[in-house]
Protein backbone atom coordinates (compact mmCIF):
# COMPACT_ATOMS: atom_id res chain seq x y z
CA MET A 1 20.00 116.06 86.29
CA SER A 2 23.67 116.80 86.29
CA GLU A 3 25.63 115.32 89.21
CA ASP A 4 28.24 118.05 88.99
CA ALA A 5 25.44 120.85 89.63
CA LYS A 6 26.66 123.73 91.96
CA ILE A 7 22.98 124.77 92.50
CA ARG A 8 20.06 122.74 92.18
CA ILE A 9 16.32 124.23 91.83
CA ARG A 10 13.72 121.64 92.38
CA ASP A 11 9.79 122.01 92.17
CA LEU A 12 10.24 125.65 92.78
CA TYR A 13 7.14 127.79 92.86
CA LYS A 14 6.35 131.54 93.70
CA ILE A 15 2.81 132.80 93.82
CA PHE A 16 2.54 136.60 94.92
CA GLY A 17 -0.98 137.41 96.77
CA GLU A 18 -2.70 137.12 100.11
CA ASP A 19 -3.01 133.33 100.30
CA PRO A 20 -0.48 131.65 98.11
CA GLN A 21 -0.82 128.28 99.83
CA THR A 22 -4.51 128.08 98.51
CA ALA A 23 -3.54 129.64 95.28
CA LEU A 24 -0.74 126.85 94.87
CA GLU A 25 -3.09 124.04 95.01
CA ALA A 26 -5.14 125.65 92.15
CA VAL A 27 -1.86 125.80 89.99
CA LYS A 28 -1.04 122.27 90.90
CA GLY A 29 -4.27 121.34 89.64
CA GLY A 30 -3.78 122.71 86.06
CA MET A 31 -4.79 126.55 86.60
CA GLY A 32 -2.76 128.81 84.54
CA LYS A 33 -1.22 132.34 84.87
CA PRO A 34 -4.08 134.19 83.31
CA GLU A 35 -6.88 132.17 85.06
CA LEU A 36 -5.02 132.36 88.38
CA LEU A 37 -5.15 136.18 88.45
CA ARG A 38 -8.51 136.49 87.13
CA GLU A 39 -10.17 134.08 89.58
CA THR A 40 -8.06 134.50 92.71
CA ASN A 41 -6.33 137.86 92.36
CA HIS A 42 -2.87 135.94 92.69
CA VAL A 43 -0.01 136.21 90.52
CA LEU A 44 1.81 133.29 89.43
CA GLY A 45 5.52 134.14 89.53
CA LEU A 46 7.26 130.69 89.03
CA CYS A 47 5.80 127.27 88.44
CA ASP A 48 7.69 123.83 88.99
CA ILE A 49 11.14 125.24 88.20
CA ASN A 50 13.62 122.47 87.95
CA VAL A 51 17.08 123.60 87.01
CA ASP A 52 20.84 122.58 87.56
CA ILE A 53 23.41 125.38 87.45
CA LYS A 54 26.60 123.69 86.74
CA ASP A 55 29.73 124.51 88.77
CA GLY A 56 32.33 126.62 86.99
CA LEU A 57 30.02 127.28 83.94
CA THR A 58 27.72 130.30 82.84
CA THR A 59 24.02 129.61 82.93
CA VAL A 60 21.78 132.20 81.29
CA ILE A 61 18.63 132.58 82.20
CA MET A 62 16.46 134.47 79.46
CA GLY A 63 12.66 135.31 78.76
CA LEU A 64 10.31 138.24 77.94
CA SER A 65 9.34 140.78 80.69
CA GLY A 66 7.31 138.95 83.22
CA SER A 67 8.51 135.65 82.57
CA GLY A 68 10.04 135.27 86.01
CA LYS A 69 13.89 135.32 85.41
CA SER A 70 14.63 138.12 87.89
CA THR A 71 12.37 136.44 90.32
CA LEU A 72 14.23 133.27 90.02
CA ILE A 73 17.59 134.69 90.42
CA ARG A 74 16.57 136.21 93.43
CA HIS A 75 15.40 132.87 94.87
CA LEU A 76 19.16 131.77 94.95
CA ASN A 77 20.12 133.88 97.48
CA ARG A 78 16.86 134.19 99.20
CA LEU A 79 16.10 137.79 98.46
CA ILE A 80 12.58 136.28 97.72
CA GLU A 81 11.17 133.43 99.66
CA PRO A 82 9.56 130.67 97.67
CA THR A 83 5.80 129.48 98.02
CA ALA A 84 7.27 125.98 97.73
CA GLY A 85 10.27 123.81 96.62
CA GLN A 86 14.03 123.74 97.05
CA VAL A 87 17.13 125.84 96.38
CA LEU A 88 20.17 123.43 97.02
CA VAL A 89 23.65 124.85 97.07
CA ASP A 90 26.38 122.29 97.50
CA GLY A 91 23.90 119.94 98.29
CA GLU A 92 22.21 122.06 100.97
CA ASP A 93 18.80 123.46 101.09
CA ILE A 94 19.32 127.13 102.01
CA LEU A 95 15.56 127.35 102.51
CA GLU A 96 16.38 125.84 105.69
CA TYR A 97 19.12 128.27 106.53
CA GLY A 98 18.81 130.47 109.75
CA PRO A 99 19.78 134.16 109.75
CA SER A 100 23.48 133.67 110.19
CA GLN A 101 23.99 130.89 107.68
CA LEU A 102 21.97 133.10 105.33
CA ARG A 103 24.42 136.06 106.13
CA ASP A 104 27.35 133.97 105.31
CA LEU A 105 25.89 132.60 102.01
CA ARG A 106 25.40 136.56 100.72
CA ARG A 107 28.70 137.64 102.25
CA ARG A 108 30.97 134.78 101.23
CA ARG A 109 29.45 132.40 98.96
CA MET A 110 27.57 134.35 96.66
CA SER A 111 27.92 137.80 95.19
CA MET A 112 25.47 139.80 92.93
CA VAL A 113 25.85 142.39 90.18
CA PHE A 114 23.05 144.48 89.50
CA GLN A 115 21.57 146.21 86.43
CA LYS A 116 21.59 149.65 88.32
CA PHE A 117 24.87 149.14 89.41
CA ALA A 118 24.11 149.57 93.12
CA LEU A 119 27.19 151.54 94.13
CA LEU A 120 27.13 153.56 97.54
CA PRO A 121 27.26 157.14 96.20
CA HIS A 122 29.23 158.40 99.61
CA ARG A 123 32.03 155.75 99.12
CA THR A 124 35.00 155.81 96.66
CA VAL A 125 35.58 153.25 93.97
CA LEU A 126 38.00 151.29 96.05
CA GLU A 127 35.75 151.42 99.17
CA ASN A 128 32.61 150.16 96.84
CA ALA A 129 34.90 147.50 95.39
CA ALA A 130 36.07 146.35 98.85
CA LEU A 131 32.65 146.63 100.60
CA ALA A 132 32.20 142.58 101.16
CA LEU A 133 35.61 142.41 102.97
CA ALA A 134 35.19 145.82 105.01
CA VAL A 135 31.82 144.42 106.47
CA SER A 136 33.43 141.08 107.21
CA GLY A 137 36.00 142.84 109.22
CA VAL A 138 39.16 142.63 107.08
CA GLU A 139 41.46 145.38 107.91
CA ARG A 140 41.68 148.28 105.49
CA GLY A 141 45.36 147.56 104.47
CA ASP A 142 44.51 144.12 103.38
CA TYR A 143 41.28 145.00 101.65
CA GLU A 144 42.70 147.75 99.86
CA LYS A 145 45.23 145.45 98.31
CA GLU A 146 42.87 142.81 97.13
CA ALA A 147 40.45 145.85 95.76
CA ASN A 148 43.08 147.39 93.86
CA LYS A 149 44.04 144.31 92.20
CA TRP A 150 40.56 143.68 90.84
CA LEU A 151 40.10 147.28 89.91
CA ASP A 152 43.14 147.00 87.81
CA ARG A 153 41.90 143.61 86.44
CA VAL A 154 38.51 145.17 85.13
CA GLY A 155 40.28 148.07 83.58
CA LEU A 156 39.92 150.71 86.44
CA GLU A 157 43.55 151.50 87.07
CA GLY A 158 44.03 154.83 88.73
CA ASN A 159 40.39 155.49 89.58
CA ALA A 160 40.19 154.11 93.02
CA ASN A 161 39.60 157.33 94.73
CA LEU A 162 36.90 158.65 92.41
CA TYR A 163 33.32 158.62 93.50
CA PRO A 164 30.49 156.81 91.48
CA HIS A 165 29.11 160.08 90.23
CA GLN A 166 32.32 160.83 88.49
CA LEU A 167 32.33 157.47 86.35
CA SER A 168 30.53 156.61 83.04
CA GLY A 169 28.02 153.91 82.97
CA GLY A 170 30.54 151.32 81.74
CA MET A 171 32.89 152.24 84.45
CA GLN A 172 30.51 152.04 87.25
CA GLN A 173 29.44 148.61 86.14
CA ARG A 174 33.04 147.63 85.95
CA VAL A 175 33.11 148.45 89.91
CA GLY A 176 30.22 146.26 90.32
CA ILE A 177 32.12 143.57 88.79
CA ALA A 178 35.27 144.25 90.66
CA ARG A 179 33.22 144.19 93.89
CA ALA A 180 31.86 140.76 93.11
CA LEU A 181 35.36 139.48 92.38
CA VAL A 182 36.80 141.06 95.59
CA SER A 183 34.37 138.94 97.61
CA ASN A 184 36.03 135.71 96.13
CA SER A 185 32.75 134.12 95.92
CA GLU A 186 32.36 131.03 94.03
CA ILE A 187 28.90 131.91 92.64
CA MET A 188 27.96 135.39 90.79
CA LEU A 189 24.63 136.42 90.18
CA MET A 190 24.10 138.87 87.23
CA ASP A 191 20.52 140.39 87.04
CA GLU A 192 20.49 142.10 83.68
CA ALA A 193 23.83 143.48 84.49
CA PHE A 194 24.76 145.03 81.15
CA SER A 195 21.19 146.12 80.00
CA ALA A 196 21.58 149.90 81.20
CA LEU A 197 24.58 150.45 79.24
CA ASP A 198 24.75 151.53 75.48
CA PRO A 199 25.38 148.94 72.86
CA LEU A 200 28.87 149.43 72.11
CA ILE A 201 30.13 149.52 75.84
CA ARG A 202 27.70 146.46 76.50
CA THR A 203 29.66 144.46 73.87
CA ASP A 204 32.75 145.49 75.71
CA MET A 205 31.48 144.06 79.16
CA GLN A 206 30.18 141.07 77.61
CA ASP A 207 33.98 140.30 76.34
CA LEU A 208 35.30 141.20 79.63
CA LEU A 209 32.93 138.89 81.33
CA VAL A 210 33.90 136.06 78.87
CA GLU A 211 37.72 136.78 79.51
CA LEU A 212 37.22 136.59 83.36
CA GLN A 213 35.02 133.53 83.33
CA GLY A 214 37.63 131.93 81.12
CA GLU A 215 40.36 132.44 83.71
CA LEU A 216 38.34 132.05 87.11
CA GLN A 217 35.79 129.52 86.12
CA LYS A 218 33.19 130.83 88.65
CA THR A 219 29.39 129.53 88.77
CA VAL A 220 27.99 132.44 87.02
CA VAL A 221 23.94 132.89 86.64
CA PHE A 222 23.43 135.68 84.27
CA ILE A 223 19.86 136.98 83.55
CA THR A 224 19.08 138.78 80.08
CA HIS A 225 16.36 139.63 77.48
CA ASP A 226 18.87 139.60 74.62
CA LEU A 227 19.25 136.58 72.74
CA ASP A 228 22.52 137.70 71.25
CA GLU A 229 23.91 138.13 74.58
CA ALA A 230 22.78 134.62 75.74
CA LEU A 231 24.25 133.00 72.99
CA LYS A 232 27.40 134.80 73.50
CA LEU A 233 27.88 133.97 77.37
CA ALA A 234 25.86 130.82 77.97
CA ASP A 235 27.26 127.39 78.65
CA HIS A 236 23.69 126.29 79.42
CA LEU A 237 20.65 128.30 78.36
CA VAL A 238 17.19 128.20 80.27
CA ILE A 239 14.35 130.09 78.45
CA LEU A 240 11.20 131.10 80.77
CA ASN A 241 7.60 132.02 79.66
CA GLU A 242 4.89 132.82 82.04
CA GLY A 243 6.96 131.71 84.91
CA VAL A 244 7.34 128.09 83.25
CA VAL A 245 10.84 126.52 81.96
CA VAL A 246 10.02 126.34 78.00
CA GLN A 247 13.31 124.76 77.23
CA GLN A 248 16.96 124.42 78.50
CA GLY A 249 20.06 123.07 77.27
CA GLU A 250 23.14 123.88 75.26
CA PRO A 251 22.58 127.27 73.17
CA GLN A 252 23.23 125.55 69.82
CA HIS A 253 20.89 122.86 70.36
CA ILE A 254 18.25 125.35 71.42
CA LEU A 255 19.02 127.45 68.38
CA LEU A 256 19.02 124.55 65.95
CA HIS A 257 16.04 122.50 67.66
CA PRO A 258 13.47 124.93 69.46
CA ALA A 259 10.97 122.89 71.26
CA ASP A 260 8.32 125.39 71.43
CA PRO A 261 6.46 127.89 69.06
CA TYR A 262 7.41 130.73 71.60
CA ILE A 263 11.27 129.95 70.84
CA GLU A 264 10.73 129.14 67.31
CA ASP A 265 9.44 132.78 66.91
CA PHE A 266 12.45 134.41 68.42
CA VAL A 267 15.06 132.26 66.75
CA SER A 268 13.48 132.33 63.40
CA ASP A 269 15.51 135.21 61.97
CA ILE A 270 18.87 134.06 63.35
CA ASN A 271 21.41 133.31 60.66
CA ARG A 272 22.18 129.73 62.03
CA ALA A 273 25.14 129.14 60.18
CA ARG A 274 26.74 132.49 61.44
CA ALA A 275 25.39 131.76 65.09
CA GLN A 276 26.81 128.28 65.02
CA GLY A 277 30.23 129.77 64.19
CA ALA A 278 30.10 132.49 66.73
CA LEU A 279 28.88 129.90 69.30
CA GLY A 280 31.95 127.61 68.51
CA ASP A 281 34.36 130.74 68.80
CA ASP A 282 32.89 131.71 72.09
CA ALA A 283 33.12 128.14 73.42
CA ARG A 284 36.66 127.92 72.35
CA ARG A 285 37.53 131.43 73.97
CA ARG A 286 35.84 130.53 77.09
CA SER A 287 37.47 127.11 77.55
CA LEU A 288 41.01 128.87 76.60
CA GLY A 289 40.65 131.82 78.83
CA GLN A 290 41.39 134.01 75.76
CA GLY A 291 38.68 136.77 75.73
CA ARG A 292 39.84 140.11 74.15
CA ARG A 293 42.37 141.81 76.29
CA ARG A 294 41.29 144.91 77.97
CA ARG A 295 44.54 146.81 77.61
CA ASP A 296 44.85 146.14 74.16
CA ARG A 297 41.55 148.23 73.13
CA PRO A 298 41.64 151.84 72.24
CA GLY A 299 42.40 154.00 74.94
CA SER A 300 44.78 153.37 78.11
CA ASP A 301 42.09 152.97 80.70
CA ALA A 302 38.36 152.25 81.09
CA ARG A 303 37.26 155.94 80.85
CA GLY A 304 39.38 156.35 77.53
CA ARG A 305 37.99 153.25 76.00
CA ASP A 306 34.38 153.88 76.80
CA GLN A 307 34.74 157.39 75.25
CA HIS A 308 36.52 156.15 72.06
CA LEU A 309 33.69 153.77 71.66
CA ARG A 310 30.96 156.27 72.05
CA ARG A 311 32.83 158.85 69.86
CA ARG A 312 33.16 156.15 67.02
CA HIS A 313 29.63 155.26 67.24
CA LEU A 314 28.47 158.86 67.13
CA GLN A 315 30.80 159.81 64.14
CA GLU A 316 29.04 156.90 62.11
CA LEU A 317 25.51 158.03 62.84
CA PRO A 318 23.96 159.80 59.73
CA GLY A 319 24.15 163.52 59.57
CA HIS A 320 26.11 163.68 62.77
CA GLN A 321 28.15 167.12 63.11
CA GLY A 322 29.76 166.64 66.21
CA ARG A 323 26.71 167.26 68.57
CA ARG A 324 25.91 165.39 71.64
CA SER A 325 23.09 162.77 71.08
CA GLY A 326 20.75 162.19 73.81
CA ARG A 327 20.29 158.53 72.78
CA HIS A 328 23.84 157.78 71.90
CA ALA A 329 26.29 159.82 74.25
CA GLU A 330 26.48 159.17 78.03
CA ASP A 331 29.20 161.99 78.71
CA GLU A 332 32.51 163.16 77.55
CA GLY A 333 34.18 162.83 80.95
CA PRO A 334 33.32 162.42 84.63
CA ARG A 335 29.63 161.96 85.17
CA GLN A 336 27.44 164.56 86.91
CA GLY A 337 23.79 164.44 87.63
CA ALA A 338 21.33 161.65 88.97
CA GLY A 339 20.05 160.77 85.75
CA ALA A 340 23.35 160.05 84.11
CA ASP A 341 23.45 156.53 84.95
CA GLN A 342 20.46 155.60 82.50
CA GLY A 343 22.34 153.70 79.72
CA LEU A 344 21.07 153.05 76.18
CA ARG A 345 19.07 150.19 75.03
CA GLN A 346 18.21 149.46 71.38
CA ARG A 347 14.37 149.55 70.95
CA HIS A 348 11.78 148.33 68.68
CA PRO A 349 8.77 150.38 67.95
CA HIS A 350 6.53 147.53 68.91
CA GLU A 351 7.04 147.02 72.80
CA ASP A 352 10.67 146.14 72.62
CA GLU A 353 10.02 142.43 71.59
CA ARG A 354 13.09 142.39 69.28
CA VAL A 355 15.80 144.19 68.34
CA ARG A 356 18.58 143.38 65.51
CA GLY A 357 16.21 141.44 63.35
CA GLY A 358 14.34 139.65 66.05
CA GLY A 359 17.59 138.46 68.18
CA ALA A 360 16.41 139.90 71.26
CA PHE A 361 13.65 139.77 74.15
CA HIS A 362 12.70 142.85 75.84
CA ARG A 363 12.56 143.03 79.57
């Protein structure tokens, strides 16, 4: 495995149940996930995971719902404790950390962007973005300056004094990204960070991440069920199935040389020539830090840009007469109501297994 890895995952197992250590022996003896559940009433979450997450690059972990991808990312900051194995960050096994070391890891060295935004509703955009610095004891005058810098950078100029319910879904997720950047952590964990957004806003957020990563070169771990998203973002791609790493490597290599029928099925409908060109373009853009500039997009700020994309998408729908669509429109202004943060997802009538011609995993 690579010597320039920021995080090394070694022989990692996670078994859910009343007696995981006994179940672990059965798994090491060859028992699979279905048999383990049927015979012992234990659930195999992760099985013998060995992955290197390279410093300064984006590692995408992808798989079907129940494959273990979200379970895996939560081991990296010990939101979930493993049954066995090691998680090494800068050569230190974080499973040996005490409470103070673990707090320092989560506050200073790692940040996390969640699918459901996880903003505090009683705090302003600025206060949410500056949360890591505030709880670390930084003076308000100092953390306001840093928070405003990153809010401006992600396209939220002039929105610092608003509250989360006044923002669209895309804007709320921008706050989540700004919060991760304000903490100045070397590692960003992103668990299906864009899955709750409608398709057009989701594309815009992917472009923002590519642009920021090209400039900042943080170590990013990104979870997704969407193959198109994985191919766009990943420097290193890890594919899970039933808690096992099926294949990992460069996205282009996996696309052209699938190692398993499970992977072949999901890449079979991808236009390989087009995908290779897109992968090459994205790689060049990441290396040069030249993602599409946010301020060059339609609209003068994040709200105007998001609304422009929604309106354009609605106008292209067959039979659209200017009506609001519960499937494609999030809002026409500041958000109101607790349910408004549910973004859109393209869905297949057969259990979400694929969208866009077989190019996505469902959760």
